[in-house]
């Protein structure tokens, strides 16, 4: 039986598949969705409960870069969705800081900035997932990384202290952040933006947002459930991971309900009833072929969460 302190917001054996963009995965042994008003204290309770039970602790954001194990996550899953507020701190000059709580959707951050006449965050338009997840992964798209626009991140460290880390600290890199491999809990992030000075610039912000959204739609990001790009790009290879998969003639390859998208080599889609094992089969097949035929060791970008990997 759950402790009294956790019963208001924690459930046992909660299905996770519908909470992920891949629509794949089993249940969380313990699933917690604390309300925003008392999130910090409740999150600490959840992490301490995981330590007490000696089970994994996992923070769930927008679940857009995850493939959840068919057996689920046999630990405590903390959902940060209630942290969804977005605000702006004006400066006296031409810049402003957009503050997004960890559960705020990236797309909502881009739209908020656009509506407030702030430029610099247009590349987030249409990007799946949450601000906390984007910071954790140091998400990158359209040649721009989260760390390029980041001012600071507020988080709970492993000692239950609320801390702030800035982008100029060590640990940031390509698809890499100082939070990976830790049990830190991201609470919010502040992003740098520039103020539009006239209506022309406001229209330019909207046009760029629309263009990024259209580009994602054209690439098939929204056609089927997926977790976005499967493999990281490696400049040393001289070509994108998608191009490598295409060179291997593996577009359209299927394993169960999982399919390498016929239109994009770096997407694996859930074509209907896909399992995590199906996705793993395709990932391993591509990695094996790339290494054997081209000598390239592809690195996964998506995270396999759970006990099967």
Protein backbone atom coordinates (compact mmCIF):
# COMPACT_ATOMS: atom_id res chain seq x y z
CA UNK A 1 0.00 0.00 0.00
CA UNK A 2 1.22 3.48 -0.87
CA UNK A 3 2.22 5.84 1.93
CA UNK A 4 -0.48 8.34 2.89
CA UNK A 5 1.74 11.23 1.74
CA UNK A 6 1.74 9.89 -1.85
CA UNK A 7 -1.80 8.58 -2.33
CA UNK A 8 -3.24 11.87 -3.57
CA UNK A 9 -1.10 11.92 -6.72
CA UNK A 10 0.54 8.49 -7.14
CA UNK A 11 -1.00 5.44 -8.77
CA UNK A 12 0.28 1.91 -9.21
CA UNK A 13 0.61 0.04 -12.52
CA UNK A 14 -0.29 3.05 -14.67
CA UNK A 15 -0.20 2.48 -18.47
CA UNK A 16 2.34 4.74 -20.18
CA UNK A 17 1.96 4.07 -23.92
CA UNK A 18 -0.66 6.75 -24.53
CA UNK A 19 1.49 9.31 -22.74
CA UNK A 20 4.31 8.89 -25.26
CA UNK A 21 4.46 10.14 -28.84
CA UNK A 22 5.48 6.62 -29.93
CA UNK A 23 2.35 5.07 -28.36
CA UNK A 24 4.50 2.17 -27.20
CA UNK A 25 5.28 0.68 -23.80
CA UNK A 26 4.01 -0.99 -20.68
CA UNK A 27 3.03 0.41 -17.31
CA UNK A 28 4.83 2.33 -14.59
CA UNK A 29 5.04 0.42 -11.32
CA UNK A 30 4.49 3.74 -9.56
CA UNK A 31 3.25 6.77 -11.51
CA UNK A 32 3.13 10.19 -9.88
CA UNK A 33 1.56 13.35 -11.28
CA UNK A 34 1.80 15.98 -8.51
CA UNK A 35 -0.09 19.24 -8.95
CA UNK A 36 2.00 22.28 -9.79
CA UNK A 37 1.23 24.17 -6.60
CA UNK A 38 3.21 21.78 -4.42
CA UNK A 39 5.37 20.12 -7.05
CA UNK A 40 8.77 20.57 -5.42
CA UNK A 41 7.86 18.92 -2.12
CA UNK A 42 5.89 16.15 -3.82
CA UNK A 43 8.69 15.47 -6.32
CA UNK A 44 11.17 15.08 -3.49
CA UNK A 45 8.79 12.67 -1.75
CA UNK A 46 8.61 10.62 -4.95
CA UNK A 47 12.35 10.44 -5.40
CA UNK A 48 12.86 9.48 -1.76
CA UNK A 49 10.21 6.78 -2.13
CA UNK A 50 12.12 5.34 -5.09
CA UNK A 51 15.29 5.30 -3.00
CA UNK A 52 13.45 3.66 -0.11
CA UNK A 53 12.03 0.96 -2.41
CA UNK A 54 15.40 0.65 -4.21
CA UNK A 55 13.78 1.08 -7.63
CA UNK A 56 14.61 3.36 -10.58
CA UNK A 57 13.45 6.97 -10.55
CA UNK A 58 12.43 8.45 -13.90
CA UNK A 59 11.21 11.95 -14.75
CA UNK A 60 8.67 11.99 -17.59
CA UNK A 61 8.35 15.11 -19.71
CA UNK A 62 6.61 15.18 -23.07
CA UNK A 63 7.81 11.60 -23.75
CA UNK A 64 8.65 12.56 -27.33
CA UNK A 65 12.13 11.05 -27.42
CA UNK A 66 11.32 7.81 -25.62
CA UNK A 67 10.66 4.22 -26.46
CA UNK A 68 9.22 2.71 -23.30
CA UNK A 69 9.88 -0.94 -22.59
CA UNK A 70 7.08 -3.42 -23.26
CA UNK A 71 7.52 -4.45 -19.65
CA UNK A 72 7.10 -0.85 -18.55
CA UNK A 73 9.19 0.97 -15.98
CA UNK A 74 9.43 -0.95 -12.72
CA UNK A 75 10.14 2.09 -10.65
CA UNK A 76 8.78 5.56 -9.83
CA UNK A 77 7.83 7.71 -12.82
CA UNK A 78 7.39 11.40 -12.01
CA UNK A 79 5.28 13.29 -14.56
CA UNK A 80 6.11 17.01 -14.78
CA UNK A 81 3.09 17.91 -16.95
CA UNK A 82 1.56 20.13 -14.25
CA UNK A 83 4.51 22.51 -14.56
CA UNK A 84 3.18 24.23 -17.65
CA UNK A 85 3.43 27.98 -17.04
CA UNK A 86 5.24 30.26 -19.51
CA UNK A 87 6.09 33.88 -18.71
CA UNK A 88 8.34 36.68 -19.90
CA UNK A 89 10.69 38.91 -17.95
CA UNK A 90 11.18 42.18 -19.77
CA UNK A 91 14.47 43.99 -19.70
CA UNK A 92 15.00 47.68 -20.18
CA UNK A 93 16.74 47.12 -23.51
CA UNK A 94 16.11 45.01 -26.59
CA UNK A 95 16.22 41.61 -24.90
CA UNK A 96 13.85 39.58 -22.77
CA UNK A 97 13.87 36.24 -20.95
CA UNK A 98 11.16 33.67 -21.64
CA UNK A 99 10.71 31.40 -18.64
CA UNK A 100 9.10 28.01 -19.30
CA UNK A 101 8.32 25.50 -16.61
CA UNK A 102 9.56 21.98 -17.31
CA UNK A 103 6.21 20.60 -18.45
CA UNK A 104 5.45 23.43 -20.89
CA UNK A 105 5.32 22.14 -24.45
CA UNK A 106 8.07 23.36 -26.76
CA UNK A 107 5.50 24.34 -29.36
CA UNK A 108 3.67 26.43 -26.76
CA UNK A 109 6.94 28.22 -25.90
CA UNK A 110 7.44 29.15 -29.55
CA UNK A 111 3.86 30.37 -29.92
CA UNK A 112 4.10 32.36 -26.67
CA UNK A 113 7.26 34.08 -27.88
CA UNK A 114 5.69 34.83 -31.24
CA UNK A 115 2.57 36.31 -29.66
CA UNK A 116 4.72 38.53 -27.45
CA UNK A 117 6.85 39.77 -30.33
CA UNK A 118 9.98 37.92 -29.21
CA UNK A 119 12.43 36.37 -31.67
CA UNK A 120 15.00 33.63 -31.29
CA UNK A 121 12.75 30.73 -30.29
CA UNK A 122 11.05 30.14 -33.63
CA UNK A 123 12.96 26.85 -34.13
CA UNK A 124 10.84 25.32 -31.34
CA UNK A 125 7.64 25.66 -33.39
CA UNK A 126 6.20 22.19 -33.87
CA UNK A 127 8.96 20.51 -31.86
CA UNK A 128 7.35 17.67 -29.86
CA UNK A 129 7.95 17.32 -26.16
CA UNK A 130 8.42 19.63 -23.21
CA UNK A 131 10.88 22.34 -22.23
CA UNK A 132 12.34 20.16 -19.49
CA UNK A 133 12.95 17.30 -21.90
CA UNK A 134 14.45 19.66 -24.48
CA UNK A 135 16.89 20.96 -21.85
CA UNK A 136 17.72 17.44 -20.66
CA UNK A 137 18.51 16.31 -24.20
CA UNK A 138 19.89 19.69 -25.32
CA UNK A 139 17.54 19.28 -28.26
CA UNK A 140 18.82 20.45 -31.62
CA UNK A 141 16.97 21.22 -34.81
CA UNK A 142 17.41 23.53 -37.79
CA UNK A 143 21.09 23.96 -36.83
CA UNK A 144 20.20 25.39 -33.43
CA UNK A 145 20.52 23.80 -29.97
CA UNK A 146 18.62 24.61 -26.80
CA UNK A 147 21.92 25.63 -25.19
CA UNK A 148 22.29 28.32 -27.88
CA UNK A 149 19.33 30.23 -26.42
CA UNK A 150 19.50 29.06 -22.82
CA UNK A 151 20.07 31.50 -19.97
CA UNK A 152 19.61 29.25 -16.95
CA UNK A 153 17.85 26.17 -15.57
CA UNK A 154 16.25 25.79 -12.15
CA UNK A 155 16.29 22.25 -10.78
CA UNK A 156 16.23 20.09 -7.66
CA UNK A 157 19.61 18.48 -7.09
CA UNK A 158 20.25 15.07 -5.55
CA UNK A 159 20.42 16.63 -2.08
CA UNK A 160 16.87 18.05 -2.36
CA UNK A 161 18.21 21.59 -2.87
CA UNK A 162 16.79 23.98 -5.45
CA UNK A 163 19.68 25.09 -7.63
CA UNK A 164 20.27 27.17 -10.75
CA UNK A 165 22.71 26.25 -13.50
CA UNK A 166 23.68 28.52 -16.38
CA UNK A 167 24.47 27.61 -19.97
CA UNK A 168 28.12 28.66 -19.59
CA UNK A 169 28.85 25.83 -17.16
CA UNK A 170 30.53 22.61 -18.26
CA UNK A 171 28.54 19.69 -19.60
CA UNK A 172 26.73 21.14 -22.61
CA UNK A 173 27.40 19.67 -26.02
CA UNK A 174 25.77 18.16 -29.07
CA UNK A 175 22.62 16.45 -27.75
CA UNK A 176 24.27 16.53 -24.33
CA UNK A 177 23.44 18.35 -21.08
CA UNK A 178 24.79 18.33 -17.50
CA UNK A 179 21.55 16.60 -16.38
CA UNK A 180 22.08 13.33 -18.22
CA UNK A 181 23.01 10.43 -15.98
CA UNK A 182 21.70 12.20 -12.89
CA UNK A 183 18.60 12.12 -10.68
CA UNK A 184 18.15 15.88 -10.88
CA UNK A 185 14.59 17.16 -11.42
CA UNK A 186 14.33 20.07 -13.86
CA UNK A 187 11.77 22.68 -12.78
CA UNK A 188 12.07 25.47 -15.35
CA UNK A 189 14.32 27.09 -17.92
CA UNK A 190 14.87 30.66 -19.06
CA UNK A 191 15.57 31.37 -22.72
CA UNK A 192 17.04 34.49 -24.30
CA UNK A 193 14.93 36.36 -26.83
CA UNK A 194 15.05 39.66 -28.67
CA UNK A 195 12.17 42.10 -28.82
CA UNK A 196 10.64 42.94 -32.17
CA UNK A 197 10.90 46.68 -32.69
CA UNK A 198 8.08 47.06 -35.21
CA UNK A 199 5.26 45.26 -36.97
CA UNK A 200 7.53 44.13 -39.78
CA UNK A 201 9.71 42.19 -37.34
CA UNK A 202 6.65 40.68 -35.66
CA UNK A 203 5.46 39.42 -39.03
CA UNK A 204 8.92 38.00 -39.71
CA UNK A 205 8.75 36.04 -36.45
CA UNK A 206 5.39 34.57 -37.45
CA UNK A 207 6.63 33.73 -40.93
CA UNK A 208 9.65 31.89 -39.53
CA UNK A 209 7.49 29.97 -37.04
CA UNK A 210 5.15 28.97 -39.87
CA UNK A 211 8.10 27.91 -42.03
CA UNK A 212 9.57 25.66 -39.33
CA UNK A 213 6.20 24.06 -38.68
CA UNK A 214 5.66 23.50 -42.41
CA UNK A 215 9.14 21.95 -42.73
CA UNK A 216 8.37 19.46 -39.96
CA UNK A 217 5.06 18.62 -41.55
CA UNK A 218 6.73 18.15 -44.94
CA UNK A 219 9.28 15.77 -43.39
CA UNK A 220 6.42 13.65 -42.05
CA UNK A 221 6.87 14.38 -38.34
CA UNK A 222 3.14 14.26 -37.72
CA UNK A 223 2.03 11.40 -40.00
CA UNK A 224 2.43 8.50 -37.56
CA UNK A 225 3.42 7.98 -33.93
CA UNK A 226 7.19 8.15 -33.57
CA UNK A 227 9.96 9.39 -31.30
CA UNK A 228 11.53 11.71 -33.85
CA UNK A 229 15.09 11.19 -35.03
CA UNK A 230 16.38 7.75 -34.07
CA UNK A 231 20.13 8.34 -34.47
CA UNK A 232 22.35 11.29 -33.68
CA UNK A 233 24.14 12.93 -36.58
CA UNK A 234 27.92 12.64 -36.59
CA UNK A 235 29.75 15.21 -38.69
CA UNK A 236 32.74 12.90 -38.97
CA UNK A 237 30.61 10.64 -41.19
CA UNK A 238 30.18 13.40 -43.78
CA UNK A 239 26.46 12.79 -44.10
CA UNK A 240 23.36 12.73 -41.93
CA UNK A 241 22.18 9.55 -40.23
CA UNK A 242 19.05 9.65 -42.39
CA UNK A 243 21.22 9.68 -45.51
CA UNK A 244 23.23 6.74 -44.16
CA UNK A 245 20.06 4.68 -43.64
CA UNK A 246 18.95 5.55 -47.16
CA UNK A 247 22.35 4.53 -48.55
CA UNK A 248 21.85 1.18 -46.84
CA UNK A 249 18.50 0.84 -48.66
CA UNK A 250 16.73 0.27 -45.36
CA UNK A 251 13.88 2.75 -45.70
CA UNK A 252 10.64 0.80 -45.49
CA UNK A 253 12.20 -2.08 -43.53
CA UNK A 254 9.71 -3.50 -41.04
CA UNK A 255 9.86 -5.42 -37.78
CA UNK A 256 6.41 -6.28 -36.48
CA UNK A 257 4.45 -3.05 -36.21
CA UNK A 258 7.54 -0.82 -36.42
CA UNK A 259 8.66 0.58 -39.76
CA UNK A 260 11.58 2.69 -40.93
CA UNK A 261 9.67 5.52 -42.58
CA UNK A 262 9.65 5.14 -46.39
CA UNK A 263 10.11 8.92 -46.70
CA UNK A 264 12.84 9.49 -44.07
CA UNK A 265 15.68 7.18 -43.08
CA UNK A 266 16.04 8.54 -39.54
CA UNK A 267 12.43 7.98 -38.47
CA UNK A 268 11.00 4.77 -37.12
CA UNK A 269 7.23 4.91 -36.97
CA UNK A 270 4.59 2.93 -35.16
CA UNK A 271 2.67 1.65 -38.18
CA UNK A 272 0.19 -0.11 -35.91
CA UNK A 273 0.66 -2.25 -32.82
CA UNK A 274 4.43 -1.78 -32.65
CA UNK A 275 6.28 -2.97 -29.58
CA UNK A 276 9.47 -1.68 -28.04
CA UNK A 277 11.10 -4.95 -29.08
CA UNK A 278 10.11 -4.23 -32.71
CA UNK A 279 11.82 -0.83 -32.54
CA UNK A 280 14.93 -2.33 -30.93
CA UNK A 281 15.09 -4.91 -33.72
CA UNK A 282 15.15 -2.19 -36.37
CA UNK A 283 17.64 -0.04 -34.47
CA UNK A 284 20.02 -2.96 -34.05
CA UNK A 285 19.63 -3.96 -37.71
CA UNK A 286 20.53 -0.46 -38.91
CA UNK A 287 23.50 -0.18 -36.54
CA UNK A 288 24.81 -3.58 -37.61
CA UNK A 289 24.49 -2.77 -41.32
CA UNK A 290 26.05 0.70 -40.96
CA UNK A 291 29.04 -0.72 -39.13
CA UNK A 292 29.49 -3.73 -41.41
CA UNK A 293 29.01 -2.01 -44.75
CA UNK A 294 30.15 1.57 -44.11
CA UNK A 295 32.25 1.39 -40.95
CA UNK A 296 29.99 3.91 -39.16
CA UNK A 297 29.02 3.33 -35.53
CA UNK A 298 25.64 5.04 -35.27
CA UNK A 299 24.61 6.33 -31.85
CA UNK A 300 20.99 6.27 -30.73
CA UNK A 301 19.28 9.56 -29.99
CA UNK A 302 16.03 8.09 -28.68
CA UNK A 303 16.06 6.80 -25.12
CA UNK A 304 14.95 3.26 -24.35
CA UNK A 305 13.32 3.51 -20.94
CA UNK A 306 12.66 0.41 -18.88
CA UNK A 307 14.20 -2.96 -18.24
CA UNK A 308 14.62 -4.55 -21.66
CA UNK A 309 17.65 -2.73 -23.07
